C-alpha atoms as a PDB file:
ATOM      1  CA  MET A   1     -21.104  63.655  45.606  1.00  0.00           C
ATOM      2  CA  PHE A   2     -17.498  62.890  44.260  1.00  0.00           C
ATOM      3  CA  ASP A   3     -17.149  60.270  46.901  1.00  0.00           C
ATOM      4  CA  ILE A   4     -20.354  58.374  45.791  1.00  0.00           C
ATOM      5  CA  ILE A   5     -19.129  58.293  42.216  1.00  0.00           C
ATOM      6  CA  ASN A   6     -15.745  57.015  43.311  1.00  0.00           C
ATOM      7  CA  TYR A   7     -17.538  54.463  45.359  1.00  0.00           C
ATOM      8  CA  LYS A   8     -19.476  53.311  42.341  1.00  0.00           C
ATOM      9  CA  LEU A   9     -16.531  53.168  40.214  1.00  0.00           C
ATOM     10  CA  PHE A  10     -14.600  51.177  42.805  1.00  0.00           C
ATOM     11  CA  LYS A  11     -17.427  48.684  43.184  1.00  0.00           C
ATOM     12  CA  MET A  12     -17.901  48.342  39.331  1.00  0.00           C
ATOM     13  CA  LYS A  13     -14.034  47.750  39.002  1.00  0.00           C
ATOM     14  CA  LYS A  14     -14.160  45.181  41.757  1.00  0.00           C
ATOM     15  CA  LEU A  15     -17.199  43.412  40.186  1.00  0.00           C
ATOM     16  CA  LEU A  16     -15.450  43.396  36.783  1.00  0.00           C
ATOM     17  CA  LEU A  17     -12.224  42.059  38.246  1.00  0.00           C
ATOM     18  CA  THR A  18     -14.193  39.344  40.063  1.00  0.00           C
ATOM     19  CA  LEU A  19     -15.920  38.384  36.880  1.00  0.00           C
ATOM     20  CA  LEU A  20     -12.731  38.302  34.900  1.00  0.00           C
ATOM     21  CA  PHE A  21     -11.033  36.276  37.456  1.00  0.00           C
ATOM     22  CA  THR A  22     -13.860  33.793  37.665  1.00  0.00           C
ATOM     23  CA  PHE A  23     -13.946  33.466  33.765  1.00  0.00           C
ATOM     24  CA  SER A  24     -10.262  32.921  33.628  1.00  0.00           C
ATOM     25  CA  ILE A  25     -10.430  30.148  36.254  1.00  0.00           C
ATOM     26  CA  SER A  26     -13.286  28.327  34.490  1.00  0.00           C
ATOM     27  CA  VAL A  27     -11.510  28.695  31.046  1.00  0.00           C
ATOM     28  CA  ASN A  28      -8.087  27.610  32.582  1.00  0.00           C
ATOM     29  CA  ALA A  29      -9.779  24.515  34.406  1.00  0.00           C
ATOM     30  CA  GLN A  30     -11.005  23.205  30.952  1.00  0.00           C
ATOM     31  CA  TRP A  31      -7.458  22.871  29.804  1.00  0.00           C
ATOM     32  CA  LYS A  32      -6.001  21.049  32.789  1.00  0.00           C
ATOM     33  CA  GLY A  33      -5.259  17.362  32.344  1.00  0.00           C
ATOM     34  CA  THR A  34      -2.599  14.750  32.283  1.00  0.00           C
ATOM     35  CA  THR A  35       0.230  14.290  29.651  1.00  0.00           C
ATOM     36  CA  SER A  36       2.000  11.196  28.553  1.00  0.00           C
ATOM     37  CA  ASN A  37       4.719  10.309  26.224  1.00  0.00           C
ATOM     38  CA  ASP A  38       4.109   6.480  26.239  1.00  0.00           C
ATOM     39  CA  ASP A  39       0.456   6.065  25.766  1.00  0.00           C
ATOM     40  CA  GLN A  40      -1.111   4.288  22.824  1.00  0.00           C
ATOM     41  CA  ARG A  41      -1.999   7.513  20.800  1.00  0.00           C
ATOM     42  CA  THR A  42       1.530   8.916  21.146  1.00  0.00           C
ATOM     43  CA  MET A  43       3.135   5.555  20.256  1.00  0.00           C
ATOM     44  CA  MET A  44       0.966   5.363  17.183  1.00  0.00           C
ATOM     45  CA  ILE A  45       2.152   8.635  15.923  1.00  0.00           C
ATOM     46  CA  GLN A  46       5.781   7.762  16.930  1.00  0.00           C
ATOM     47  CA  ARG A  47       5.531   4.602  14.872  1.00  0.00           C
ATOM     48  CA  HIS A  48       4.396   6.713  11.822  1.00  0.00           C
ATOM     49  CA  MET A  49       7.314   9.111  12.253  1.00  0.00           C
ATOM     50  CA  GLU A  50       9.711   6.055  12.253  1.00  0.00           C
ATOM     51  CA  LEU A  51       8.045   4.648   9.058  1.00  0.00           C
ATOM     52  CA  TYR A  52       7.800   7.906   7.112  1.00  0.00           C
ATOM     53  CA  PRO A  53      11.418   8.402   6.271  1.00  0.00           C
ATOM     54  CA  LYS A  54      11.189   4.880   4.850  1.00  0.00           C
ATOM     55  CA  ASN A  55       8.415   5.793   2.698  1.00  0.00           C
ATOM     56  CA  ASP A  56       5.966   3.581   4.559  1.00  0.00           C
ATOM     57  CA  GLN A  57       2.483   4.854   5.042  1.00  0.00           C
ATOM     58  CA  SER A  58       0.849   1.866   6.462  1.00  0.00           C
ATOM     59  CA  GLN A  59       0.515   3.466   9.934  1.00  0.00           C
ATOM     60  CA  LEU A  60      -1.886   6.194   8.687  1.00  0.00           C
ATOM     61  CA  LYS A  61      -4.879   3.816   8.386  1.00  0.00           C
ATOM     62  CA  ASN A  62      -4.243   3.018  12.207  1.00  0.00           C
ATOM     63  CA  ILE A  63      -3.972   6.583  13.136  1.00  0.00           C
ATOM     64  CA  PHE A  64      -7.114   8.330  11.161  1.00  0.00           C
ATOM     65  CA  ASN A  65     -10.564   7.525  10.959  1.00  0.00           C
ATOM     66  CA  GLN A  66     -12.508   7.490   7.601  1.00  0.00           C
ATOM     67  CA  ALA A  67     -13.912  10.992   7.987  1.00  0.00           C
ATOM     68  CA  ALA A  68     -10.743  12.569   9.296  1.00  0.00           C
ATOM     69  CA  THR A  69      -9.555  16.050   8.021  1.00  0.00           C
ATOM     70  CA  ILE A  70      -5.983  16.880   7.923  1.00  0.00           C
ATOM     71  CA  ASN A  71      -5.184  20.586   7.668  1.00  0.00           C
ATOM     72  CA  VAL A  72      -1.845  21.097   6.251  1.00  0.00           C
ATOM     73  CA  ASN A  73      -0.757  24.836   6.433  1.00  0.00           C
ATOM     74  CA  GLY A  74      -4.452  25.835   5.782  1.00  0.00           C
ATOM     75  CA  THR A  75      -5.385  23.143   3.266  1.00  0.00           C
ATOM     76  CA  ASN A  76      -7.629  20.400   4.195  1.00  0.00           C
ATOM     77  CA  VAL A  77      -6.719  17.020   2.923  1.00  0.00           C
ATOM     78  CA  SER A  78      -7.922  13.425   3.655  1.00  0.00           C
ATOM     79  CA  PRO A  79      -5.691  10.725   4.929  1.00  0.00           C
ATOM     80  CA  GLU A  80      -5.400   9.216   1.476  1.00  0.00           C
ATOM     81  CA  GLU A  81      -4.193  12.518   0.137  1.00  0.00           C
ATOM     82  CA  LEU A  82      -1.778  12.858   3.060  1.00  0.00           C
ATOM     83  CA  ALA A  83      -0.323   9.526   2.119  1.00  0.00           C
ATOM     84  CA  ASP A  84       0.014  10.603  -1.625  1.00  0.00           C
ATOM     85  CA  PHE A  85       1.947  13.951  -0.349  1.00  0.00           C
ATOM     86  CA  GLU A  86       4.226  11.654   1.693  1.00  0.00           C
ATOM     87  CA  ARG A  87       4.932   9.446  -1.175  1.00  0.00           C
ATOM     88  CA  MET A  88       5.586  12.329  -3.399  1.00  0.00           C
ATOM     89  CA  HIS A  89       8.366  13.747  -0.820  1.00  0.00           C
ATOM     90  CA  HIS A  90      10.305  10.503  -1.528  1.00  0.00           C
ATOM     91  CA  LYS A  91       9.998  11.004  -5.414  1.00  0.00           C
ATOM     92  CA  ILE A  92      11.643  14.442  -5.061  1.00  0.00           C
ATOM     93  CA  PHE A  93      13.817  14.342  -1.938  1.00  0.00           C
ATOM     94  CA  LYS A  94      16.459  12.054  -0.731  1.00  0.00           C
ATOM     95  CA  ASP A  95      17.880  11.410   2.648  1.00  0.00           C
ATOM     96  CA  ILE A  96      14.724  12.530   4.372  1.00  0.00           C
ATOM     97  CA  LYS A  97      14.982  12.515   8.028  1.00  0.00           C
ATOM     98  CA  PHE A  98      12.333  13.140  10.845  1.00  0.00           C
ATOM     99  CA  GLN A  99      13.812  14.196  14.147  1.00  0.00           C
ATOM    100  CA  VAL A 100      11.228  14.250  16.848  1.00  0.00           C
ATOM    101  CA  GLY A 101      11.909  16.682  19.671  1.00  0.00           C
ATOM    102  CA  ALA A 102       8.752  16.026  21.664  1.00  0.00           C
ATOM    103  CA  ASN A 103       5.674  13.817  21.109  1.00  0.00           C
ATOM    104  CA  ILE A 104       3.097  13.949  23.811  1.00  0.00           C
ATOM    105  CA  THR A 105      -0.557  13.288  24.404  1.00  0.00           C
ATOM    106  CA  SER A 106      -2.688  15.195  26.741  1.00  0.00           C
ATOM    107  CA  LYS A 107      -6.025  14.341  28.085  1.00  0.00           C
ATOM    108  CA  TYR A 108      -7.910  17.351  29.342  1.00  0.00           C
ATOM    109  CA  GLU A 109     -10.689  17.786  31.699  1.00  0.00           C
ATOM    110  CA  ASN A 110     -12.959  19.315  28.938  1.00  0.00           C
ATOM    111  CA  GLY A 111     -12.873  15.833  27.298  1.00  0.00           C
ATOM    112  CA  GLN A 112     -10.456  16.727  24.524  1.00  0.00           C
ATOM    113  CA  ILE A 113      -7.422  14.581  23.641  1.00  0.00           C
ATOM    114  CA  TRP A 114      -4.515  16.115  21.698  1.00  0.00           C
ATOM    115  CA  THR A 115      -1.132  14.683  20.582  1.00  0.00           C
ATOM    116  CA  HIS A 116       1.469  17.272  19.675  1.00  0.00           C
ATOM    117  CA  VAL A 117       4.668  16.629  17.881  1.00  0.00           C
ATOM    118  CA  TRP A 118       7.305  19.115  17.606  1.00  0.00           C
ATOM    119  CA  ALA A 119      10.244  17.890  15.218  1.00  0.00           C
ATOM    120  CA  TRP A 120      12.612  18.845  12.411  1.00  0.00           C
ATOM    121  CA  TRP A 121      12.086  17.483   8.824  1.00  0.00           C
ATOM    122  CA  SER A 122      15.168  17.455   6.788  1.00  0.00           C
ATOM    123  CA  ALA A 123      16.100  16.230   3.266  1.00  0.00           C
ATOM    124  CA  GLU A 124      18.164  16.925  -0.004  1.00  0.00           C
ATOM    125  CA  GLY A 125      16.178  17.949  -3.237  1.00  0.00           C
ATOM    126  CA  LYS A 126      16.908  15.519  -5.952  1.00  0.00           C
ATOM    127  CA  LYS A 127      17.115  18.234  -8.656  1.00  0.00           C
ATOM    128  CA  SER A 128      18.222  21.284  -6.718  1.00  0.00           C
ATOM    129  CA  LYS A 129      20.790  19.301  -4.741  1.00  0.00           C
ATOM    130  CA  GLU A 130      19.936  21.744  -1.884  1.00  0.00           C
ATOM    131  CA  SER A 131      19.277  20.707   1.734  1.00  0.00           C
ATOM    132  CA  ALA A 132      17.095  22.127   4.352  1.00  0.00           C
ATOM    133  CA  THR A 133      15.966  21.461   7.875  1.00  0.00           C
ATOM    134  CA  ILE A 134      12.450  22.648   8.655  1.00  0.00           C
ATOM    135  CA  PRO A 135      10.820  22.885  12.189  1.00  0.00           C
ATOM    136  CA  ILE A 136       7.330  21.552  12.111  1.00  0.00           C
ATOM    137  CA  HIS A 137       4.426  21.105  14.697  1.00  0.00           C
ATOM    138  CA  LEU A 138       1.900  18.470  14.163  1.00  0.00           C
ATOM    139  CA  ALA A 139      -1.313  18.352  16.440  1.00  0.00           C
ATOM    140  CA  PHE A 140      -3.848  15.588  16.506  1.00  0.00           C
ATOM    141  CA  THR A 141      -7.339  15.562  18.088  1.00  0.00           C
ATOM    142  CA  TRP A 142      -8.824  12.177  18.936  1.00  0.00           C
ATOM    143  CA  ASP A 143     -12.054  10.293  19.034  1.00  0.00           C
ATOM    144  CA  GLY A 144     -11.330   7.226  20.952  1.00  0.00           C
ATOM    145  CA  VAL A 145      -8.111   5.698  19.434  1.00  0.00           C
ATOM    146  CA  LYS A 146      -8.521   7.348  16.049  1.00  0.00           C
ATOM    147  CA  SER A 147      -7.705  10.925  15.087  1.00  0.00           C
ATOM    148  CA  ASN A 148     -10.576  12.935  13.719  1.00  0.00           C
ATOM    149  CA  ASN A 149      -8.578  16.082  12.940  1.00  0.00           C
ATOM    150  CA  ALA A 150      -4.941  16.904  12.481  1.00  0.00           C
ATOM    151  CA  TYR A 151      -3.050  20.248  11.958  1.00  0.00           C
ATOM    152  CA  PHE A 152       0.294  20.315  10.288  1.00  0.00           C
ATOM    153  CA  PHE A 153       2.342  23.646  10.574  1.00  0.00           C
ATOM    154  CA  PHE A 154       5.673  24.173   8.746  1.00  0.00           C
ATOM    155  CA  ASP A 155       7.393  26.622   6.444  1.00  0.00           C
ATOM    156  CA  PRO A 156       6.554  24.997   2.918  1.00  0.00           C
ATOM    157  CA  THR A 157       9.065  27.331   0.992  1.00  0.00           C
ATOM    158  CA  PHE A 158      11.737  24.492   0.481  1.00  0.00           C
ATOM    159  CA  ILE A 159       9.229  21.703  -0.330  1.00  0.00           C
ATOM    160  CA  ASN A 160       7.446  24.137  -2.821  1.00  0.00           C
ATOM    161  CA  SER A 161      10.548  25.232  -4.515  1.00  0.00           C
ATOM    162  CA  GLU A 162      11.687  21.510  -5.169  1.00  0.00           C
ATOM    163  CA  ILE A 163       8.122  20.675  -6.275  1.00  0.00           C
ATOM    164  CA  ALA A 164       8.243  23.529  -8.743  1.00  0.00           C
ATOM    165  CA  LEU A 165      11.492  22.096 -10.308  1.00  0.00           C
ATOM    166  CA  ASN A 166       9.750  18.669 -10.738  1.00  0.00           C
ATOM    167  CA  GLU A 167       6.604  20.007 -12.619  1.00  0.00           C
END
């Protein structure tokens, strides 16, 4: 009797492991793809990263479609609101720099295309006279050659402190 129970448990464990293995393969297969650092999408983002420290938001219209949503640390904004936010940076900060560590676009087997940017934003507050360097991660999803969603992640403490001094 004990052997029958052990045998059934063994068979159930084997079935469960087989199902988990099969599921993990199918999930992982969806996220396989090719990555590039010199394709059109990557270059569009790179161009904006070069223009942003010069207070030039002209590239944003080339990056985002009309209905795009940009999530900045949990708050959704439109491309126009993002441009306003970037212009505001130049009103309250000086010596803005954007040092890109990596900027890559990946095309996945599941059809999704993502561009990821890992970088450091730095500036000096015009009122506080304090400087900071903040690591950031930007992620863009694409519909053709226009981004329909983007996600910006960074610690906003320094920026928020300088905004508060300017209110």
